[in-house]
Amino acid sequence: MASHLTIAIDGPAGAGKSTVAKTVARRLGLLYVDTGAMYRAAAYLAVKYGVPTDDESAIVDLLNRHPLSFERRSDDTLQILVDGVPVQDELRTPEVSSVVSPLSAHPRVRTELTRIQRQLSEHQGVVMDGRDIGTVVLPNAALKVFLTASLAERAARRAQELRAKGHEVRLSDLQRAIDERDAQDASRHVAPLRPAPDARILDSTGKPVEAVVQEILEWAGEVRGVE
């Protein structure tokens, strides 16, 4: 039954969605889909080609001229390619991160990426994470989780991630940037960041990854049991 299970994991920046969702997917043998990486890929294109983030038509045109493609890897994650070239290592630079939120607020950009995300879940079970999965992309997902954590902990996690990749950042600057993105994501007109009415809220502050994963796996077992 797990092969057709759909799990939506939403939450703010730095909550640990990708790490948790990837682990849950691997444990259940499902495809892991990181929708935030798709928006980052669009932001990467905007940065690379110097397109202003407020120019919605130009961004959509970029996506049409340089369509995203995907390869399922042996660990059941997706490799994102632009023009046939993997761009995973370019998606979390400070330059890309600074333009993701305003770019992702454009309705036409969201419509295009939502279409791709739904296609990926049509014929296979998925664990999909993002900011509007349970509310917009997969409103009928069997399990919806809203994963959050304190602002201080989310900033510390992101700083550690960036430093591991060679990017030097100030924790105070990163905390301010994440706080601003939270506000932008929660207040945008299209697909704002918020829990789905039937989402299970999970605060990961102070919890090890394995404890969070186990809680979601238990919930997955519950929903499978009633299907």
C-alpha atoms as a PDB file:
ATOM      1  CA  MET A   1       0.000   0.000   0.000  1.00  0.00           C
ATOM      2  CA  ALA A   2       2.937   2.345   0.614  1.00  0.00           C
ATOM      3  CA  SER A   3       3.610   2.452  -3.135  1.00  0.00           C
ATOM      4  CA  HIS A   4       0.618   4.787  -3.657  1.00  0.00           C
ATOM      5  CA  LEU A   5       0.857   6.702  -0.383  1.00  0.00           C
ATOM      6  CA  THR A   6       1.097  10.490  -0.695  1.00  0.00           C
ATOM      7  CA  ILE A   7       2.599  12.504   2.155  1.00  0.00           C
ATOM      8  CA  ALA A   8       2.700  16.321   2.140  1.00  0.00           C
ATOM      9  CA  ILE A   9       5.189  18.049   4.444  1.00  0.00           C
ATOM     10  CA  ASP A  10       4.953  21.832   4.656  1.00  0.00           C
ATOM     11  CA  GLY A  11       6.683  24.370   6.858  1.00  0.00           C
ATOM     12  CA  PRO A  12       8.861  27.481   7.004  1.00  0.00           C
ATOM     13  CA  ALA A  13      12.478  27.830   5.905  1.00  0.00           C
ATOM     14  CA  GLY A  14      14.992  25.869   7.944  1.00  0.00           C
ATOM     15  CA  ALA A  15      12.450  23.642   9.697  1.00  0.00           C
ATOM     16  CA  GLY A  16      14.237  20.525   8.464  1.00  0.00           C
ATOM     17  CA  LYS A  17      11.618  19.556   5.882  1.00  0.00           C
ATOM     18  CA  SER A  18      14.056  18.240   3.284  1.00  0.00           C
ATOM     19  CA  THR A  19      16.093  16.106   5.673  1.00  0.00           C
ATOM     20  CA  VAL A  20      13.011  14.644   7.336  1.00  0.00           C
ATOM     21  CA  ALA A  21      11.008  14.128   4.133  1.00  0.00           C
ATOM     22  CA  LYS A  22      13.942  12.483   2.368  1.00  0.00           C
ATOM     23  CA  THR A  23      14.410  10.045   5.250  1.00  0.00           C
ATOM     24  CA  VAL A  24      10.692   9.241   5.486  1.00  0.00           C
ATOM     25  CA  ALA A  25      10.564   8.593   1.737  1.00  0.00           C
ATOM     26  CA  ARG A  26      13.546   6.266   1.899  1.00  0.00           C
ATOM     27  CA  ARG A  27      12.086   4.300   4.820  1.00  0.00           C
ATOM     28  CA  LEU A  28       8.767   3.866   2.979  1.00  0.00           C
ATOM     29  CA  GLY A  29      10.222   3.273  -0.486  1.00  0.00           C
ATOM     30  CA  LEU A  30       8.544   6.373  -1.930  1.00  0.00           C
ATOM     31  CA  LEU A  31       9.830   9.071  -4.280  1.00  0.00           C
ATOM     32  CA  TYR A  32      11.043  12.192  -2.505  1.00  0.00           C
ATOM     33  CA  VAL A  33      10.086  15.473  -4.217  1.00  0.00           C
ATOM     34  CA  ASP A  34      11.642  18.705  -2.959  1.00  0.00           C
ATOM     35  CA  THR A  35       9.372  21.394  -4.428  1.00  0.00           C
ATOM     36  CA  GLY A  36      11.401  24.170  -2.850  1.00  0.00           C
ATOM     37  CA  ALA A  37      14.330  23.084  -4.998  1.00  0.00           C
ATOM     38  CA  MET A  38      12.179  23.661  -8.082  1.00  0.00           C
ATOM     39  CA  TYR A  39      11.541  27.266  -7.056  1.00  0.00           C
ATOM     40  CA  ARG A  40      15.227  27.618  -6.306  1.00  0.00           C
ATOM     41  CA  ALA A  41      15.982  26.315  -9.796  1.00  0.00           C
ATOM     42  CA  ALA A  42      13.755  29.053 -11.225  1.00  0.00           C
ATOM     43  CA  ALA A  43      15.541  31.570  -8.988  1.00  0.00           C
ATOM     44  CA  TYR A  44      18.890  30.199 -10.162  1.00  0.00           C
ATOM     45  CA  LEU A  45      17.842  30.880 -13.751  1.00  0.00           C
ATOM     46  CA  ALA A  46      16.788  34.432 -12.861  1.00  0.00           C
ATOM     47  CA  VAL A  47      20.140  35.097 -11.180  1.00  0.00           C
ATOM     48  CA  LYS A  48      22.137  33.477 -13.977  1.00  0.00           C
ATOM     49  CA  TYR A  49      20.446  35.461 -16.731  1.00  0.00           C
ATOM     50  CA  GLY A  50      19.997  38.699 -14.789  1.00  0.00           C
ATOM     51  CA  VAL A  51      16.188  38.670 -14.898  1.00  0.00           C
ATOM     52  CA  PRO A  52      14.514  40.887 -12.247  1.00  0.00           C
ATOM     53  CA  THR A  53      12.369  38.905  -9.833  1.00  0.00           C
ATOM     54  CA  ASP A  54       9.424  41.261 -10.362  1.00  0.00           C
ATOM     55  CA  ASP A  55       9.286  40.456 -14.096  1.00  0.00           C
ATOM     56  CA  GLU A  56       6.868  37.524 -14.042  1.00  0.00           C
ATOM     57  CA  SER A  57       6.629  37.163 -17.828  1.00  0.00           C
ATOM     58  CA  ALA A  58      10.403  37.057 -18.215  1.00  0.00           C
ATOM     59  CA  ILE A  59      10.723  34.382 -15.520  1.00  0.00           C
ATOM     60  CA  VAL A  60       8.035  32.228 -17.137  1.00  0.00           C
ATOM     61  CA  ASP A  61       9.826  32.699 -20.453  1.00  0.00           C
ATOM     62  CA  LEU A  62      13.066  31.522 -18.817  1.00  0.00           C
ATOM     63  CA  LEU A  63      11.326  28.359 -17.615  1.00  0.00           C
ATOM     64  CA  ASN A  64       9.972  27.763 -21.134  1.00  0.00           C
ATOM     65  CA  ARG A  65      13.373  28.290 -22.762  1.00  0.00           C
ATOM     66  CA  HIS A  66      15.278  26.338 -20.109  1.00  0.00           C
ATOM     67  CA  PRO A  67      12.739  23.749 -18.886  1.00  0.00           C
ATOM     68  CA  LEU A  68      13.524  21.818 -15.750  1.00  0.00           C
ATOM     69  CA  SER A  69      14.083  18.101 -16.118  1.00  0.00           C
ATOM     70  CA  PHE A  70      14.462  15.386 -13.517  1.00  0.00           C
ATOM     71  CA  GLU A  71      16.308  12.143 -12.987  1.00  0.00           C
ATOM     72  CA  ARG A  72      15.288   9.670 -10.311  1.00  0.00           C
ATOM     73  CA  ARG A  73      18.402   8.634  -8.451  1.00  0.00           C
ATOM     74  CA  SER A  74      19.115   5.322  -6.755  1.00  0.00           C
ATOM     75  CA  ASP A  75      18.185   6.791  -3.364  1.00  0.00           C
ATOM     76  CA  ASP A  76      14.676   7.716  -4.631  1.00  0.00           C
ATOM     77  CA  THR A  77      15.411  11.444  -4.773  1.00  0.00           C
ATOM     78  CA  LEU A  78      15.213  13.644  -7.848  1.00  0.00           C
ATOM     79  CA  GLN A  79      18.164  15.287  -9.505  1.00  0.00           C
ATOM     80  CA  ILE A  80      17.138  18.653 -11.028  1.00  0.00           C
ATOM     81  CA  LEU A  81      18.716  19.544 -14.336  1.00  0.00           C
ATOM     82  CA  VAL A  82      18.652  22.774 -16.316  1.00  0.00           C
ATOM     83  CA  ASP A  83      19.632  22.458 -19.965  1.00  0.00           C
ATOM     84  CA  GLY A  84      20.673  18.894 -19.151  1.00  0.00           C
ATOM     85  CA  VAL A  85      23.107  19.990 -16.435  1.00  0.00           C
ATOM     86  CA  PRO A  86      22.632  19.165 -12.720  1.00  0.00           C
ATOM     87  CA  VAL A  87      22.234  22.372 -10.702  1.00  0.00           C
ATOM     88  CA  GLN A  88      21.747  20.966  -7.201  1.00  0.00           C
ATOM     89  CA  ASP A  89      24.916  22.571  -5.819  1.00  0.00           C
ATOM     90  CA  GLU A  90      23.874  26.012  -7.064  1.00  0.00           C
ATOM     91  CA  LEU A  91      20.440  26.141  -5.456  1.00  0.00           C
ATOM     92  CA  ARG A  92      21.271  27.193  -1.890  1.00  0.00           C
ATOM     93  CA  THR A  93      23.722  29.999  -2.452  1.00  0.00           C
ATOM     94  CA  PRO A  94      22.889  33.286  -0.688  1.00  0.00           C
ATOM     95  CA  GLU A  95      22.279  34.929  -4.085  1.00  0.00           C
ATOM     96  CA  VAL A  96      19.623  32.384  -5.028  1.00  0.00           C
ATOM     97  CA  SER A  97      18.098  32.295  -1.538  1.00  0.00           C
ATOM     98  CA  SER A  98      17.602  36.068  -1.543  1.00  0.00           C
ATOM     99  CA  VAL A  99      15.266  36.000  -4.571  1.00  0.00           C
ATOM    100  CA  VAL A 100      13.299  32.767  -4.057  1.00  0.00           C
ATOM    101  CA  SER A 101      10.442  34.258  -2.037  1.00  0.00           C
ATOM    102  CA  PRO A 102       9.527  37.195  -4.336  1.00  0.00           C
ATOM    103  CA  LEU A 103       9.904  34.983  -7.394  1.00  0.00           C
ATOM    104  CA  SER A 104       7.702  32.246  -5.936  1.00  0.00           C
ATOM    105  CA  ALA A 105       4.875  34.720  -5.300  1.00  0.00           C
ATOM    106  CA  HIS A 106       4.136  35.020  -9.045  1.00  0.00           C
ATOM    107  CA  PRO A 107       0.916  33.116  -9.923  1.00  0.00           C
ATOM    108  CA  ARG A 108       2.126  31.988 -13.362  1.00  0.00           C
ATOM    109  CA  VAL A 109       5.399  30.653 -11.943  1.00  0.00           C
ATOM    110  CA  ARG A 110       3.495  28.733  -9.266  1.00  0.00           C
ATOM    111  CA  THR A 111       1.004  27.389 -11.819  1.00  0.00           C
ATOM    112  CA  GLU A 112       3.797  26.004 -13.993  1.00  0.00           C
ATOM    113  CA  LEU A 113       5.698  24.373 -11.140  1.00  0.00           C
ATOM    114  CA  THR A 114       2.527  23.050  -9.489  1.00  0.00           C
ATOM    115  CA  ARG A 115       1.647  21.325 -12.766  1.00  0.00           C
ATOM    116  CA  ILE A 116       5.034  19.572 -12.747  1.00  0.00           C
ATOM    117  CA  GLN A 117       4.699  18.602  -9.082  1.00  0.00           C
ATOM    118  CA  ARG A 118       1.279  17.046  -9.574  1.00  0.00           C
ATOM    119  CA  GLN A 119       2.514  15.079 -12.585  1.00  0.00           C
ATOM    120  CA  LEU A 120       5.251  13.548 -10.447  1.00  0.00           C
ATOM    121  CA  SER A 121       2.656  12.218  -7.993  1.00  0.00           C
ATOM    122  CA  GLU A 122       0.127  10.867 -10.501  1.00  0.00           C
ATOM    123  CA  HIS A 123       1.445   7.335 -10.894  1.00  0.00           C
ATOM    124  CA  GLN A 124       3.599   6.759  -7.828  1.00  0.00           C
ATOM    125  CA  GLY A 125       3.667   7.296  -4.093  1.00  0.00           C
ATOM    126  CA  VAL A 126       5.547  10.406  -3.001  1.00  0.00           C
ATOM    127  CA  VAL A 127       6.753  12.338  -0.015  1.00  0.00           C
ATOM    128  CA  MET A 128       6.613  15.947  -1.166  1.00  0.00           C
ATOM    129  CA  ASP A 129       7.781  18.926   0.850  1.00  0.00           C
ATOM    130  CA  GLY A 130       7.334  22.653   0.367  1.00  0.00           C
ATOM    131  CA  ARG A 131       5.101  25.463   1.543  1.00  0.00           C
ATOM    132  CA  ASP A 132       1.763  24.788  -0.158  1.00  0.00           C
ATOM    133  CA  ILE A 133       1.727  21.028  -0.687  1.00  0.00           C
ATOM    134  CA  GLY A 134      -1.133  20.170   1.649  1.00  0.00           C
ATOM    135  CA  THR A 135      -3.118  23.286   0.791  1.00  0.00           C
ATOM    136  CA  VAL A 136      -2.647  23.553  -2.994  1.00  0.00           C
ATOM    137  CA  VAL A 137      -0.470  20.967  -4.707  1.00  0.00           C
ATOM    138  CA  LEU A 138      -1.758  17.769  -3.072  1.00  0.00           C
ATOM    139  CA  PRO A 139      -4.920  18.746  -1.171  1.00  0.00           C
ATOM    140  CA  ASN A 140      -5.991  15.090  -1.097  1.00  0.00           C
ATOM    141  CA  ALA A 141      -2.714  13.761   0.318  1.00  0.00           C
ATOM    142  CA  ALA A 142      -3.256  10.860   2.710  1.00  0.00           C
ATOM    143  CA  LEU A 143      -1.051  12.502   5.353  1.00  0.00           C
ATOM    144  CA  LYS A 144      -0.347  16.211   5.782  1.00  0.00           C
ATOM    145  CA  VAL A 145       2.326  17.446   8.169  1.00  0.00           C
ATOM    146  CA  PHE A 146       3.222  21.039   9.035  1.00  0.00           C
ATOM    147  CA  LEU A 147       6.791  20.931  10.322  1.00  0.00           C
ATOM    148  CA  THR A 148       8.129  23.925  12.189  1.00  0.00           C
ATOM    149  CA  ALA A 149      10.821  24.947  14.717  1.00  0.00           C
ATOM    150  CA  SER A 150      11.892  28.079  16.562  1.00  0.00           C
ATOM    151  CA  LEU A 151      13.417  30.878  14.477  1.00  0.00           C
ATOM    152  CA  ALA A 152      16.728  30.640  16.347  1.00  0.00           C
ATOM    153  CA  GLU A 153      17.039  26.918  15.713  1.00  0.00           C
ATOM    154  CA  ARG A 154      16.083  27.231  12.055  1.00  0.00           C
ATOM    155  CA  ALA A 155      18.711  29.932  11.514  1.00  0.00           C
ATOM    156  CA  ALA A 156      21.377  27.846  13.247  1.00  0.00           C
ATOM    157  CA  ARG A 157      20.551  24.827  11.075  1.00  0.00           C
ATOM    158  CA  ARG A 158      20.737  26.838   7.867  1.00  0.00           C
ATOM    159  CA  ALA A 159      24.015  28.479   8.924  1.00  0.00           C
ATOM    160  CA  GLN A 160      25.561  25.069   9.553  1.00  0.00           C
ATOM    161  CA  GLU A 161      24.363  23.856   6.156  1.00  0.00           C
ATOM    162  CA  LEU A 162      25.791  26.871   4.321  1.00  0.00           C
ATOM    163  CA  ARG A 163      29.125  26.775   6.142  1.00  0.00           C
ATOM    164  CA  ALA A 164      29.496  23.096   5.284  1.00  0.00           C
ATOM    165  CA  LYS A 165      29.276  24.162   1.637  1.00  0.00           C
ATOM    166  CA  GLY A 166      31.882  26.900   2.046  1.00  0.00           C
ATOM    167  CA  HIS A 167      29.585  29.923   2.435  1.00  0.00           C
ATOM    168  CA  GLU A 168      30.481  32.199   5.348  1.00  0.00           C
ATOM    169  CA  VAL A 169      27.401  33.762   6.957  1.00  0.00           C
ATOM    170  CA  ARG A 170      26.568  35.753  10.060  1.00  0.00           C
ATOM    171  CA  LEU A 171      23.939  34.073  12.200  1.00  0.00           C
ATOM    172  CA  SER A 172      22.178  37.372  12.955  1.00  0.00           C
ATOM    173  CA  ASP A 173      21.909  38.206   9.255  1.00  0.00           C
ATOM    174  CA  LEU A 174      20.594  34.738   8.469  1.00  0.00           C
ATOM    175  CA  GLN A 175      18.021  34.880  11.250  1.00  0.00           C
ATOM    176  CA  ARG A 176      16.765  38.230   9.980  1.00  0.00           C
ATOM    177  CA  ALA A 177      16.574  36.914   6.404  1.00  0.00           C
ATOM    178  CA  ILE A 178      14.610  33.829   7.459  1.00  0.00           C
ATOM    179  CA  ASP A 179      12.252  35.942   9.550  1.00  0.00           C
ATOM    180  CA  GLU A 180      11.626  38.227   6.568  1.00  0.00           C
ATOM    181  CA  ARG A 181      11.013  35.249   4.290  1.00  0.00           C
ATOM    182  CA  ASP A 182       8.556  33.776   6.793  1.00  0.00           C
ATOM    183  CA  ALA A 183       6.603  37.037   6.709  1.00  0.00           C
ATOM    184  CA  GLN A 184       6.687  37.215   2.899  1.00  0.00           C
ATOM    185  CA  ASP A 185       5.609  33.594   2.470  1.00  0.00           C
ATOM    186  CA  ALA A 186       2.797  33.858   5.016  1.00  0.00           C
ATOM    187  CA  SER A 187       1.397  37.109   3.622  1.00  0.00           C
ATOM    188  CA  ARG A 188       1.596  36.499  -0.133  1.00  0.00           C
ATOM    189  CA  HIS A 189      -1.716  36.500  -1.973  1.00  0.00           C
ATOM    190  CA  VAL A 190      -1.098  33.261  -3.877  1.00  0.00           C
ATOM    191  CA  ALA A 191      -0.647  30.006  -1.911  1.00  0.00           C
ATOM    192  CA  PRO A 192       0.464  31.559   1.376  1.00  0.00           C
ATOM    193  CA  LEU A 193       2.450  29.522   3.875  1.00  0.00           C
ATOM    194  CA  ARG A 194      -0.034  28.050   6.347  1.00  0.00           C
ATOM    195  CA  PRO A 195      -1.018  24.630   7.678  1.00  0.00           C
ATOM    196  CA  ALA A 196      -3.794  22.791   5.879  1.00  0.00           C
ATOM    197  CA  PRO A 197      -6.914  22.501   8.077  1.00  0.00           C
ATOM    198  CA  ASP A 198      -6.301  18.762   8.462  1.00  0.00           C
ATOM    199  CA  ALA A 199      -2.507  18.960   8.829  1.00  0.00           C
ATOM    200  CA  ARG A 200      -0.750  17.526  11.865  1.00  0.00           C
ATOM    201  CA  ILE A 201       1.506  20.163  13.460  1.00  0.00           C
ATOM    202  CA  LEU A 202       4.978  18.950  14.418  1.00  0.00           C
ATOM    203  CA  ASP A 203       7.441  21.257  16.240  1.00  0.00           C
ATOM    204  CA  SER A 204      10.969  19.918  15.780  1.00  0.00           C
ATOM    205  CA  THR A 205      12.669  22.378  18.136  1.00  0.00           C
ATOM    206  CA  GLY A 206      15.200  20.483  20.199  1.00  0.00           C
ATOM    207  CA  LYS A 207      14.291  17.142  18.637  1.00  0.00           C
ATOM    208  CA  PRO A 208      16.764  14.912  16.789  1.00  0.00           C
ATOM    209  CA  VAL A 209      15.907  14.110  13.193  1.00  0.00           C
ATOM    210  CA  GLU A 210      15.231  10.458  13.974  1.00  0.00           C
ATOM    211  CA  ALA A 211      12.565  11.343  16.558  1.00  0.00           C
ATOM    212  CA  VAL A 212      10.759  13.559  14.043  1.00  0.00           C
ATOM    213  CA  VAL A 213      11.003  10.867  11.356  1.00  0.00           C
ATOM    214  CA  GLN A 214       9.620   8.213  13.688  1.00  0.00           C
ATOM    215  CA  GLU A 215       6.623  10.366  14.565  1.00  0.00           C
ATOM    216  CA  ILE A 216       5.761  10.859  10.899  1.00  0.00           C
ATOM    217  CA  LEU A 217       6.245   7.147  10.171  1.00  0.00           C
ATOM    218  CA  GLU A 218       3.789   6.336  12.955  1.00  0.00           C
ATOM    219  CA  TRP A 219       1.262   8.733  11.436  1.00  0.00           C
ATOM    220  CA  ALA A 220       1.842   7.169   8.013  1.00  0.00           C
ATOM    221  CA  GLY A 221       1.074   3.788   9.520  1.00  0.00           C
ATOM    222  CA  GLU A 222      -2.161   5.156  10.947  1.00  0.00           C
ATOM    223  CA  VAL A 223      -3.417   6.557   7.631  1.00  0.00           C
ATOM    224  CA  ARG A 224      -2.466   3.372   5.762  1.00  0.00           C
ATOM    225  CA  GLY A 225      -4.458   1.424   8.286  1.00  0.00           C
ATOM    226  CA  VAL A 226      -7.670   3.297   7.452  1.00  0.00           C
ATOM    227  CA  GLU A 227      -7.301   3.360   3.661  1.00  0.00           C
END
